[in-house]
């Protein structure tokens, strides 16, 4: 993971609810009891990680002073991280959760080397960073010696991150198991648009992960992406773009947020869907750069219609 990507991830970090809902507890219990007979399995590492944290007090790792101290070794105290890297308290807490994941999946020796390598990487990265610059991070600002060190450290850090992030490489089916409901596709697709790809954005945490499944549709240079997840807030919420204006209204019994800019075609729509006995509260978000508001509504409603027919 390069330094610029790391910094973007820090700024996207969030502090989510630590309490796993009943549907997740039931899914994990069922997965463990019936793992031999299930046709669609979650990776054993995912089940183990989630099950373990149902059995211990949620947030216990946050109370462990070792984890925050390891984070301080890499990016400093919360105050220093805010001053030097503009990392919010929300992002700092997410970094603590990620370090807890590293501690779980790395050996003691690997964790020590990971933290020290990360610290050195960040220190060298400071030399390549300039605030209030069109290109805030540029490795060409490093001298030859620092550049060589940076490349070596980056490979070492990446090796460890690949190891402890591996259990979070969810497929769509695994994300559905965690979320407690299936991902649906729209039956209404505006003329000229075609399915391009789908991907899962995990949340790196040992408590209650809330993955986001994104489905992308294209029409030449234009496109829109549908995001489905449990209801989330903060920087991980795809709708949390600072729109100039946000309209709130009801559509077929569901709350809708519609946001747009005064000087851009980019717009977004978010539908909140209430919890039921079988499904948790969830949301569907569309971020688009060409379609009008009524077309976005049609896409959202067609997803709901798909559920109602099943």
C-alpha atoms as a PDB file:
ATOM      1  CA  UNK A   1       0.000   0.000   0.000  1.00  0.00           C
ATOM      2  CA  UNK A   2       1.655   3.268  -1.073  1.00  0.00           C
ATOM      3  CA  UNK A   3       1.813   6.270   1.232  1.00  0.00           C
ATOM      4  CA  UNK A   4      -0.779   8.321  -0.646  1.00  0.00           C
ATOM      5  CA  UNK A   5      -3.273   5.438  -0.558  1.00  0.00           C
ATOM      6  CA  UNK A   6      -2.566   4.957   3.126  1.00  0.00           C
ATOM      7  CA  UNK A   7      -3.250   8.618   3.817  1.00  0.00           C
ATOM      8  CA  UNK A   8      -6.530   8.503   1.864  1.00  0.00           C
ATOM      9  CA  UNK A   9      -7.569   5.459   3.895  1.00  0.00           C
ATOM     10  CA  UNK A  10      -6.757   7.285   7.121  1.00  0.00           C
ATOM     11  CA  UNK A  11      -9.006  10.173   6.176  1.00  0.00           C
ATOM     12  CA  UNK A  12     -11.805   7.775   5.278  1.00  0.00           C
ATOM     13  CA  UNK A  13     -11.625   5.966   8.631  1.00  0.00           C
ATOM     14  CA  UNK A  14     -14.672   5.851  10.881  1.00  0.00           C
ATOM     15  CA  UNK A  15     -15.853   4.865  14.341  1.00  0.00           C
ATOM     16  CA  UNK A  16     -18.876   2.630  13.874  1.00  0.00           C
ATOM     17  CA  UNK A  17     -21.221   1.044  16.419  1.00  0.00           C
ATOM     18  CA  UNK A  18     -19.499  -1.747  18.313  1.00  0.00           C
ATOM     19  CA  UNK A  19     -22.577  -3.896  19.007  1.00  0.00           C
ATOM     20  CA  UNK A  20     -23.214  -6.786  16.613  1.00  0.00           C
ATOM     21  CA  UNK A  21     -26.948  -7.052  15.840  1.00  0.00           C
ATOM     22  CA  UNK A  22     -29.005 -10.167  16.523  1.00  0.00           C
ATOM     23  CA  UNK A  23     -29.111 -11.206  12.871  1.00  0.00           C
ATOM     24  CA  UNK A  24     -25.293 -11.305  12.740  1.00  0.00           C
ATOM     25  CA  UNK A  25     -25.055 -13.344  15.936  1.00  0.00           C
ATOM     26  CA  UNK A  26     -27.557 -15.830  14.494  1.00  0.00           C
ATOM     27  CA  UNK A  27     -25.725 -16.015  11.149  1.00  0.00           C
ATOM     28  CA  UNK A  28     -22.398 -16.749  12.816  1.00  0.00           C
ATOM     29  CA  UNK A  29     -23.874 -19.341  15.175  1.00  0.00           C
ATOM     30  CA  UNK A  30     -25.616 -21.041  12.262  1.00  0.00           C
ATOM     31  CA  UNK A  31     -22.446 -20.898  10.155  1.00  0.00           C
ATOM     32  CA  UNK A  32     -20.388 -22.621  12.835  1.00  0.00           C
ATOM     33  CA  UNK A  33     -22.964 -25.362  13.521  1.00  0.00           C
ATOM     34  CA  UNK A  34     -23.721 -26.094   9.886  1.00  0.00           C
ATOM     35  CA  UNK A  35     -20.390 -25.402   8.179  1.00  0.00           C
ATOM     36  CA  UNK A  36     -20.222 -28.927   6.720  1.00  0.00           C
ATOM     37  CA  UNK A  37     -23.662 -28.818   5.097  1.00  0.00           C
ATOM     38  CA  UNK A  38     -23.734 -25.279   3.766  1.00  0.00           C
ATOM     39  CA  UNK A  39     -23.546 -24.865   0.022  1.00  0.00           C
ATOM     40  CA  UNK A  40     -22.174 -21.322   0.312  1.00  0.00           C
ATOM     41  CA  UNK A  41     -19.477 -20.950   2.992  1.00  0.00           C
ATOM     42  CA  UNK A  42     -17.843 -17.970   4.591  1.00  0.00           C
ATOM     43  CA  UNK A  43     -14.111 -18.306   4.921  1.00  0.00           C
ATOM     44  CA  UNK A  44     -13.220 -20.003   8.183  1.00  0.00           C
ATOM     45  CA  UNK A  45     -11.035 -17.092   9.149  1.00  0.00           C
ATOM     46  CA  UNK A  46     -13.973 -14.681   8.864  1.00  0.00           C
ATOM     47  CA  UNK A  47     -16.240 -16.895  10.981  1.00  0.00           C
ATOM     48  CA  UNK A  48     -13.543 -17.327  13.599  1.00  0.00           C
ATOM     49  CA  UNK A  49     -12.829 -13.615  13.827  1.00  0.00           C
ATOM     50  CA  UNK A  50     -16.476 -12.644  14.152  1.00  0.00           C
ATOM     51  CA  UNK A  51     -17.393 -15.467  16.527  1.00  0.00           C
ATOM     52  CA  UNK A  52     -14.478 -14.699  18.827  1.00  0.00           C
ATOM     53  CA  UNK A  53     -15.557 -11.127  19.268  1.00  0.00           C
ATOM     54  CA  UNK A  54     -19.143 -12.077  20.055  1.00  0.00           C
ATOM     55  CA  UNK A  55     -17.832 -14.064  22.998  1.00  0.00           C
ATOM     56  CA  UNK A  56     -15.716 -11.274  24.494  1.00  0.00           C
ATOM     57  CA  UNK A  57     -16.721  -7.754  25.564  1.00  0.00           C
ATOM     58  CA  UNK A  58     -17.055  -5.587  22.481  1.00  0.00           C
ATOM     59  CA  UNK A  59     -14.420  -2.894  22.345  1.00  0.00           C
ATOM     60  CA  UNK A  60     -12.046  -4.810  24.616  1.00  0.00           C
ATOM     61  CA  UNK A  61      -9.171  -4.257  22.220  1.00  0.00           C
ATOM     62  CA  UNK A  62      -9.786  -0.515  22.363  1.00  0.00           C
ATOM     63  CA  UNK A  63      -9.339  -0.649  26.137  1.00  0.00           C
ATOM     64  CA  UNK A  64      -6.006  -2.431  25.689  1.00  0.00           C
ATOM     65  CA  UNK A  65      -3.361   0.270  25.977  1.00  0.00           C
ATOM     66  CA  UNK A  66      -0.972  -1.736  23.787  1.00  0.00           C
ATOM     67  CA  UNK A  67      -2.930  -1.136  20.566  1.00  0.00           C
ATOM     68  CA  UNK A  68      -3.181   2.680  20.890  1.00  0.00           C
ATOM     69  CA  UNK A  69       0.523   2.811  21.778  1.00  0.00           C
ATOM     70  CA  UNK A  70       1.373   0.933  18.561  1.00  0.00           C
ATOM     71  CA  UNK A  71      -0.649   3.455  16.583  1.00  0.00           C
ATOM     72  CA  UNK A  72       1.191   6.301  18.308  1.00  0.00           C
ATOM     73  CA  UNK A  73       4.468   4.808  17.121  1.00  0.00           C
ATOM     74  CA  UNK A  74       3.332   5.136  13.509  1.00  0.00           C
ATOM     75  CA  UNK A  75       1.327   8.371  13.284  1.00  0.00           C
ATOM     76  CA  UNK A  76       1.737   9.902  16.728  1.00  0.00           C
ATOM     77  CA  UNK A  77      -0.907  10.871  19.255  1.00  0.00           C
ATOM     78  CA  UNK A  78      -4.396  11.883  18.081  1.00  0.00           C
ATOM     79  CA  UNK A  79      -3.331  15.516  18.369  1.00  0.00           C
ATOM     80  CA  UNK A  80      -0.144  14.968  16.363  1.00  0.00           C
ATOM     81  CA  UNK A  81      -1.997  12.958  13.702  1.00  0.00           C
ATOM     82  CA  UNK A  82      -4.494  15.782  13.348  1.00  0.00           C
ATOM     83  CA  UNK A  83      -1.787  18.443  13.132  1.00  0.00           C
ATOM     84  CA  UNK A  84       0.593  16.588  10.810  1.00  0.00           C
ATOM     85  CA  UNK A  85      -1.809  14.621   8.622  1.00  0.00           C
ATOM     86  CA  UNK A  86      -5.234  16.182   9.158  1.00  0.00           C
ATOM     87  CA  UNK A  87      -6.493  12.838  10.480  1.00  0.00           C
ATOM     88  CA  UNK A  88      -9.775  13.233  12.328  1.00  0.00           C
ATOM     89  CA  UNK A  89     -10.589  11.525  15.624  1.00  0.00           C
ATOM     90  CA  UNK A  90     -12.837   9.256  13.591  1.00  0.00           C
ATOM     91  CA  UNK A  91      -9.956   8.235  11.344  1.00  0.00           C
ATOM     92  CA  UNK A  92      -7.663   7.721  14.323  1.00  0.00           C
ATOM     93  CA  UNK A  93     -10.107   5.327  15.958  1.00  0.00           C
ATOM     94  CA  UNK A  94     -10.327   3.393  12.707  1.00  0.00           C
ATOM     95  CA  UNK A  95      -6.534   3.122  12.685  1.00  0.00           C
ATOM     96  CA  UNK A  96      -6.721   1.598  16.174  1.00  0.00           C
ATOM     97  CA  UNK A  97      -9.191  -0.983  14.901  1.00  0.00           C
ATOM     98  CA  UNK A  98      -6.906  -1.808  11.974  1.00  0.00           C
ATOM     99  CA  UNK A  99      -3.944  -2.216  14.323  1.00  0.00           C
ATOM    100  CA  UNK A 100      -6.024  -4.631  16.410  1.00  0.00           C
ATOM    101  CA  UNK A 101      -6.560  -6.683  13.265  1.00  0.00           C
ATOM    102  CA  UNK A 102      -2.811  -6.645  12.608  1.00  0.00           C
ATOM    103  CA  UNK A 103      -2.128  -7.839  16.148  1.00  0.00           C
ATOM    104  CA  UNK A 104      -4.557 -10.731  15.701  1.00  0.00           C
ATOM    105  CA  UNK A 105      -3.187 -12.060  12.419  1.00  0.00           C
ATOM    106  CA  UNK A 106       0.547 -11.284  12.690  1.00  0.00           C
ATOM    107  CA  UNK A 107       3.058 -12.992  14.936  1.00  0.00           C
ATOM    108  CA  UNK A 108       4.671 -10.919  17.679  1.00  0.00           C
ATOM    109  CA  UNK A 109       7.845 -10.537  15.626  1.00  0.00           C
ATOM    110  CA  UNK A 110       5.914  -9.636  12.476  1.00  0.00           C
ATOM    111  CA  UNK A 111       3.845  -7.033  14.340  1.00  0.00           C
ATOM    112  CA  UNK A 112       6.959  -5.371  15.756  1.00  0.00           C
ATOM    113  CA  UNK A 113       8.579  -5.248  12.326  1.00  0.00           C
ATOM    114  CA  UNK A 114       5.341  -3.997  10.732  1.00  0.00           C
ATOM    115  CA  UNK A 115       4.980  -1.126  13.206  1.00  0.00           C
ATOM    116  CA  UNK A 116       8.647  -0.118  12.899  1.00  0.00           C
ATOM    117  CA  UNK A 117       8.568  -0.330   9.100  1.00  0.00           C
ATOM    118  CA  UNK A 118       5.357   1.689   8.981  1.00  0.00           C
ATOM    119  CA  UNK A 119       6.904   4.334  11.245  1.00  0.00           C
ATOM    120  CA  UNK A 120       9.956   4.648   9.003  1.00  0.00           C
ATOM    121  CA  UNK A 121       7.808   4.727   5.875  1.00  0.00           C
ATOM    122  CA  UNK A 122       5.746   7.584   7.247  1.00  0.00           C
ATOM    123  CA  UNK A 123       8.824   9.518   8.371  1.00  0.00           C
ATOM    124  CA  UNK A 124      10.305   9.339   4.879  1.00  0.00           C
ATOM    125  CA  UNK A 125       6.900  10.067   3.398  1.00  0.00           C
ATOM    126  CA  UNK A 126       6.840  13.396   5.215  1.00  0.00           C
ATOM    127  CA  UNK A 127       9.699  14.539   3.013  1.00  0.00           C
ATOM    128  CA  UNK A 128       7.618  13.833  -0.088  1.00  0.00           C
ATOM    129  CA  UNK A 129       4.593  15.741   1.218  1.00  0.00           C
ATOM    130  CA  UNK A 130       3.802  19.412   0.730  1.00  0.00           C
ATOM    131  CA  UNK A 131       0.658  21.037   1.975  1.00  0.00           C
ATOM    132  CA  UNK A 132      -1.223  23.548  -0.158  1.00  0.00           C
ATOM    133  CA  UNK A 133       0.425  22.124  -3.249  1.00  0.00           C
ATOM    134  CA  UNK A 134      -1.336  20.927  -6.435  1.00  0.00           C
ATOM    135  CA  UNK A 135       0.550  17.640  -5.999  1.00  0.00           C
ATOM    136  CA  UNK A 136       0.545  17.096  -2.201  1.00  0.00           C
ATOM    137  CA  UNK A 137       2.519  13.837  -2.346  1.00  0.00           C
ATOM    138  CA  UNK A 138       5.330  13.270  -4.838  1.00  0.00           C
ATOM    139  CA  UNK A 139       8.099  10.691  -4.444  1.00  0.00           C
ATOM    140  CA  UNK A 140      10.291  12.718  -6.790  1.00  0.00           C
ATOM    141  CA  UNK A 141      10.871  15.112  -3.878  1.00  0.00           C
ATOM    142  CA  UNK A 142      12.954  12.381  -2.206  1.00  0.00           C
ATOM    143  CA  UNK A 143      16.676  12.040  -2.732  1.00  0.00           C
ATOM    144  CA  UNK A 144      18.037   8.799  -4.155  1.00  0.00           C
ATOM    145  CA  UNK A 145      18.824   7.266  -0.765  1.00  0.00           C
ATOM    146  CA  UNK A 146      15.402   8.046   0.741  1.00  0.00           C
ATOM    147  CA  UNK A 147      13.645   6.878  -2.405  1.00  0.00           C
ATOM    148  CA  UNK A 148      15.401   3.499  -2.221  1.00  0.00           C
ATOM    149  CA  UNK A 149      14.532   3.158   1.480  1.00  0.00           C
ATOM    150  CA  UNK A 150      10.936   4.105   0.782  1.00  0.00           C
ATOM    151  CA  UNK A 151      10.565   1.448  -1.917  1.00  0.00           C
ATOM    152  CA  UNK A 152      12.054  -1.236   0.346  1.00  0.00           C
ATOM    153  CA  UNK A 153       9.885  -0.269   3.323  1.00  0.00           C
ATOM    154  CA  UNK A 154       6.767  -0.081   1.176  1.00  0.00           C
ATOM    155  CA  UNK A 155       7.250  -3.683   0.014  1.00  0.00           C
ATOM    156  CA  UNK A 156       7.765  -4.861   3.585  1.00  0.00           C
ATOM    157  CA  UNK A 157       4.687  -3.044   4.882  1.00  0.00           C
ATOM    158  CA  UNK A 158       2.628  -4.302   1.955  1.00  0.00           C
ATOM    159  CA  UNK A 159       3.652  -7.902   2.709  1.00  0.00           C
ATOM    160  CA  UNK A 160       2.300  -7.654   6.250  1.00  0.00           C
ATOM    161  CA  UNK A 161      -0.860  -5.794   5.238  1.00  0.00           C
ATOM    162  CA  UNK A 162      -1.586  -8.431   2.606  1.00  0.00           C
ATOM    163  CA  UNK A 163      -1.442 -11.047   5.350  1.00  0.00           C
ATOM    164  CA  UNK A 164      -3.655  -9.404   7.951  1.00  0.00           C
ATOM    165  CA  UNK A 165      -6.119  -7.965   5.443  1.00  0.00           C
ATOM    166  CA  UNK A 166      -6.618 -11.310   3.666  1.00  0.00           C
ATOM    167  CA  UNK A 167      -9.632 -12.344   5.815  1.00  0.00           C
ATOM    168  CA  UNK A 168     -11.410  -9.170   4.666  1.00  0.00           C
ATOM    169  CA  UNK A 169     -11.220  -9.927   0.948  1.00  0.00           C
ATOM    170  CA  UNK A 170     -14.930 -10.723   0.838  1.00  0.00           C
ATOM    171  CA  UNK A 171     -16.776 -12.029  -2.152  1.00  0.00           C
ATOM    172  CA  UNK A 172     -20.258 -10.609  -2.691  1.00  0.00           C
ATOM    173  CA  UNK A 173     -21.733 -13.788  -1.214  1.00  0.00           C
ATOM    174  CA  UNK A 174     -19.608 -13.509   1.921  1.00  0.00           C
ATOM    175  CA  UNK A 175     -20.601  -9.858   2.303  1.00  0.00           C
ATOM    176  CA  UNK A 176     -24.250 -10.895   2.078  1.00  0.00           C
ATOM    177  CA  UNK A 177     -23.722 -13.430   4.874  1.00  0.00           C
ATOM    178  CA  UNK A 178     -22.261 -10.745   7.115  1.00  0.00           C
ATOM    179  CA  UNK A 179     -24.896  -8.127   6.279  1.00  0.00           C
ATOM    180  CA  UNK A 180     -27.780 -10.533   6.694  1.00  0.00           C
ATOM    181  CA  UNK A 181     -29.570  -9.945   3.401  1.00  0.00           C
ATOM    182  CA  UNK A 182     -28.933 -10.495  -0.324  1.00  0.00           C
ATOM    183  CA  UNK A 183     -27.688  -7.808  -2.678  1.00  0.00           C
ATOM    184  CA  UNK A 184     -30.295  -6.944  -5.305  1.00  0.00           C
ATOM    185  CA  UNK A 185     -29.808  -5.598  -8.820  1.00  0.00           C
ATOM    186  CA  UNK A 186     -32.071  -2.994 -10.434  1.00  0.00           C
ATOM    187  CA  UNK A 187     -34.534  -4.205 -13.037  1.00  0.00           C
ATOM    188  CA  UNK A 188     -34.732  -0.701 -14.468  1.00  0.00           C
ATOM    189  CA  UNK A 189     -31.570   0.445 -16.221  1.00  0.00           C
ATOM    190  CA  UNK A 190     -31.693   3.784 -18.112  1.00  0.00           C
ATOM    191  CA  UNK A 191     -31.185   3.549 -21.872  1.00  0.00           C
ATOM    192  CA  UNK A 192     -27.573   3.276 -22.972  1.00  0.00           C
ATOM    193  CA  UNK A 193     -26.226   2.046 -19.622  1.00  0.00           C
ATOM    194  CA  UNK A 194     -24.657  -1.355 -19.111  1.00  0.00           C
ATOM    195  CA  UNK A 195     -23.307  -3.291 -16.141  1.00  0.00           C
ATOM    196  CA  UNK A 196     -19.552  -2.777 -15.771  1.00  0.00           C
ATOM    197  CA  UNK A 197     -18.397  -4.307 -12.487  1.00  0.00           C
ATOM    198  CA  UNK A 198     -19.133  -4.886  -8.826  1.00  0.00           C
ATOM    199  CA  UNK A 199     -16.821  -4.796  -5.846  1.00  0.00           C
ATOM    200  CA  UNK A 200     -16.923  -5.148  -2.082  1.00  0.00           C
ATOM    201  CA  UNK A 201     -15.460  -2.486   0.181  1.00  0.00           C
ATOM    202  CA  UNK A 202     -14.745  -4.159   3.531  1.00  0.00           C
ATOM    203  CA  UNK A 203     -14.482  -2.525   6.900  1.00  0.00           C
ATOM    204  CA  UNK A 204     -11.274  -3.489   8.668  1.00  0.00           C
ATOM    205  CA  UNK A 205     -12.466  -4.235  12.166  1.00  0.00           C
ATOM    206  CA  UNK A 206     -12.767  -7.193  14.534  1.00  0.00           C
ATOM    207  CA  UNK A 207     -16.121  -6.077  15.888  1.00  0.00           C
ATOM    208  CA  UNK A 208     -19.161  -5.661  13.650  1.00  0.00           C
ATOM    209  CA  UNK A 209     -17.935  -5.200  10.069  1.00  0.00           C
ATOM    210  CA  UNK A 210     -20.217  -3.358   7.675  1.00  0.00           C
ATOM    211  CA  UNK A 211     -19.085  -4.104   4.136  1.00  0.00           C
ATOM    212  CA  UNK A 212     -20.387  -2.019   1.240  1.00  0.00           C
ATOM    213  CA  UNK A 213     -21.184  -3.635  -2.121  1.00  0.00           C
ATOM    214  CA  UNK A 214     -20.848  -1.298  -5.090  1.00  0.00           C
ATOM    215  CA  UNK A 215     -22.388  -2.035  -8.508  1.00  0.00           C
ATOM    216  CA  UNK A 216     -21.206   0.158 -11.377  1.00  0.00           C
ATOM    217  CA  UNK A 217     -23.031   0.932 -14.629  1.00  0.00           C
ATOM    218  CA  UNK A 218     -21.536   2.855 -17.554  1.00  0.00           C
ATOM    219  CA  UNK A 219     -22.666   4.789 -20.594  1.00  0.00           C
ATOM    220  CA  UNK A 220     -19.525   5.877 -22.408  1.00  0.00           C
ATOM    221  CA  UNK A 221     -17.695   8.375 -20.208  1.00  0.00           C
ATOM    222  CA  UNK A 222     -20.664   8.683 -17.856  1.00  0.00           C
ATOM    223  CA  UNK A 223     -21.862   6.306 -15.204  1.00  0.00           C
ATOM    224  CA  UNK A 224     -23.535   5.687 -11.885  1.00  0.00           C
ATOM    225  CA  UNK A 225     -22.748   3.411  -8.965  1.00  0.00           C
ATOM    226  CA  UNK A 226     -25.215   1.748  -6.610  1.00  0.00           C
ATOM    227  CA  UNK A 227     -23.979   1.083  -3.073  1.00  0.00           C
ATOM    228  CA  UNK A 228     -25.814  -1.323  -0.752  1.00  0.00           C
ATOM    229  CA  UNK A 229     -24.999  -1.760   2.917  1.00  0.00           C
ATOM    230  CA  UNK A 230     -26.374  -1.627   6.411  1.00  0.00           C
ATOM    231  CA  UNK A 231     -27.195   1.911   7.481  1.00  0.00           C
ATOM    232  CA  UNK A 232     -23.892   3.657   8.134  1.00  0.00           C
ATOM    233  CA  UNK A 233     -22.785   7.169   8.956  1.00  0.00           C
ATOM    234  CA  UNK A 234     -19.550   9.093   8.768  1.00  0.00           C
ATOM    235  CA  UNK A 235     -16.885   9.050   6.119  1.00  0.00           C
ATOM    236  CA  UNK A 236     -17.586   5.469   4.954  1.00  0.00           C
ATOM    237  CA  UNK A 237     -21.110   6.414   3.893  1.00  0.00           C
ATOM    238  CA  UNK A 238     -20.962   6.821   0.073  1.00  0.00           C
ATOM    239  CA  UNK A 239     -23.520   9.637   0.324  1.00  0.00           C
ATOM    240  CA  UNK A 240     -21.277  11.676   2.637  1.00  0.00           C
ATOM    241  CA  UNK A 241     -20.130  13.989  -0.137  1.00  0.00           C
ATOM    242  CA  UNK A 242     -20.572  17.580   0.846  1.00  0.00           C
ATOM    243  CA  UNK A 243     -23.377  18.495  -1.532  1.00  0.00           C
ATOM    244  CA  UNK A 244     -24.355  22.143  -1.785  1.00  0.00           C
ATOM    245  CA  UNK A 245     -28.002  21.252  -1.258  1.00  0.00           C
ATOM    246  CA  UNK A 246     -29.729  18.168   0.158  1.00  0.00           C
ATOM    247  CA  UNK A 247     -33.462  17.535  -0.151  1.00  0.00           C
ATOM    248  CA  UNK A 248     -35.229  15.076   2.172  1.00  0.00           C
ATOM    249  CA  UNK A 249     -38.583  13.463   1.345  1.00  0.00           C
ATOM    250  CA  UNK A 250     -40.574  10.232   1.490  1.00  0.00           C
ATOM    251  CA  UNK A 251     -40.875   7.781  -1.413  1.00  0.00           C
ATOM    252  CA  UNK A 252     -43.164   4.769  -0.998  1.00  0.00           C
ATOM    253  CA  UNK A 253     -42.675   4.838   2.751  1.00  0.00           C
ATOM    254  CA  UNK A 254     -38.876   5.156   2.665  1.00  0.00           C
ATOM    255  CA  UNK A 255     -36.788   8.210   3.523  1.00  0.00           C
ATOM    256  CA  UNK A 256     -34.932   9.697   0.558  1.00  0.00           C
ATOM    257  CA  UNK A 257     -32.004  12.124   0.561  1.00  0.00           C
ATOM    258  CA  UNK A 258     -31.180  13.822  -2.727  1.00  0.00           C
ATOM    259  CA  UNK A 259     -27.997  15.884  -2.967  1.00  0.00           C
ATOM    260  CA  UNK A 260     -26.527  17.968  -5.762  1.00  0.00           C
ATOM    261  CA  UNK A 261     -23.918  20.611  -6.469  1.00  0.00           C
ATOM    262  CA  UNK A 262     -24.518  24.066  -7.879  1.00  0.00           C
ATOM    263  CA  UNK A 263     -21.533  23.853 -10.243  1.00  0.00           C
ATOM    264  CA  UNK A 264     -21.313  20.140 -11.092  1.00  0.00           C
ATOM    265  CA  UNK A 265     -23.408  17.380 -12.655  1.00  0.00           C
ATOM    266  CA  UNK A 266     -22.518  14.967  -9.837  1.00  0.00           C
ATOM    267  CA  UNK A 267     -25.504  14.141  -7.674  1.00  0.00           C
ATOM    268  CA  UNK A 268     -26.474  11.485  -5.170  1.00  0.00           C
ATOM    269  CA  UNK A 269     -29.558   9.780  -3.814  1.00  0.00           C
ATOM    270  CA  UNK A 270     -29.819   7.744  -0.627  1.00  0.00           C
ATOM    271  CA  UNK A 271     -32.747   5.581   0.457  1.00  0.00           C
ATOM    272  CA  UNK A 272     -33.060   4.390   4.050  1.00  0.00           C
ATOM    273  CA  UNK A 273     -34.925   1.106   4.485  1.00  0.00           C
ATOM    274  CA  UNK A 274     -36.310   0.274   7.915  1.00  0.00           C
ATOM    275  CA  UNK A 275     -35.404  -2.938   9.725  1.00  0.00           C
ATOM    276  CA  UNK A 276     -37.703  -5.946   9.692  1.00  0.00           C
ATOM    277  CA  UNK A 277     -37.749  -9.149  11.726  1.00  0.00           C
ATOM    278  CA  UNK A 278     -35.618 -10.830   9.074  1.00  0.00           C
ATOM    279  CA  UNK A 279     -33.412  -7.976   7.879  1.00  0.00           C
ATOM    280  CA  UNK A 280     -31.456  -5.147   9.524  1.00  0.00           C
ATOM    281  CA  UNK A 281     -31.966  -1.508   8.678  1.00  0.00           C
ATOM    282  CA  UNK A 282     -30.085  -0.811   5.482  1.00  0.00           C
ATOM    283  CA  UNK A 283     -29.491   1.761   2.772  1.00  0.00           C
ATOM    284  CA  UNK A 284     -29.115   2.066  -0.977  1.00  0.00           C
ATOM    285  CA  UNK A 285     -27.070   4.942  -2.381  1.00  0.00           C
ATOM    286  CA  UNK A 286     -26.638   6.049  -5.987  1.00  0.00           C
ATOM    287  CA  UNK A 287     -23.876   8.441  -7.028  1.00  0.00           C
ATOM    288  CA  UNK A 288     -24.332   9.690 -10.588  1.00  0.00           C
ATOM    289  CA  UNK A 289     -22.981  12.294 -13.000  1.00  0.00           C
ATOM    290  CA  UNK A 290     -25.663  12.529 -15.695  1.00  0.00           C
ATOM    291  CA  UNK A 291     -29.118  11.161 -14.767  1.00  0.00           C
ATOM    292  CA  UNK A 292     -31.962  13.416 -13.526  1.00  0.00           C
ATOM    293  CA  UNK A 293     -33.609  12.932 -10.142  1.00  0.00           C
ATOM    294  CA  UNK A 294     -36.652  11.022 -11.396  1.00  0.00           C
ATOM    295  CA  UNK A 295     -34.431   8.457 -13.158  1.00  0.00           C
ATOM    296  CA  UNK A 296     -32.484   7.814  -9.965  1.00  0.00           C
ATOM    297  CA  UNK A 297     -35.790   7.198  -8.178  1.00  0.00           C
ATOM    298  CA  UNK A 298     -36.800   4.645 -10.811  1.00  0.00           C
ATOM    299  CA  UNK A 299     -33.547   2.745 -10.354  1.00  0.00           C
ATOM    300  CA  UNK A 300     -33.965   2.648  -6.565  1.00  0.00           C
ATOM    301  CA  UNK A 301     -37.581   1.557  -6.726  1.00  0.00           C
ATOM    302  CA  UNK A 302     -36.779  -1.214  -9.196  1.00  0.00           C
ATOM    303  CA  UNK A 303     -34.392  -2.697  -6.624  1.00  0.00           C
ATOM    304  CA  UNK A 304     -37.168  -2.748  -4.039  1.00  0.00           C
ATOM    305  CA  UNK A 305     -39.574  -4.273  -6.554  1.00  0.00           C
ATOM    306  CA  UNK A 306     -37.098  -7.098  -7.084  1.00  0.00           C
ATOM    307  CA  UNK A 307     -37.244  -7.903  -3.362  1.00  0.00           C
ATOM    308  CA  UNK A 308     -41.032  -7.784  -3.237  1.00  0.00           C
ATOM    309  CA  UNK A 309     -41.360 -10.351  -6.032  1.00  0.00           C
ATOM    310  CA  UNK A 310     -39.196 -12.890  -4.216  1.00  0.00           C
END
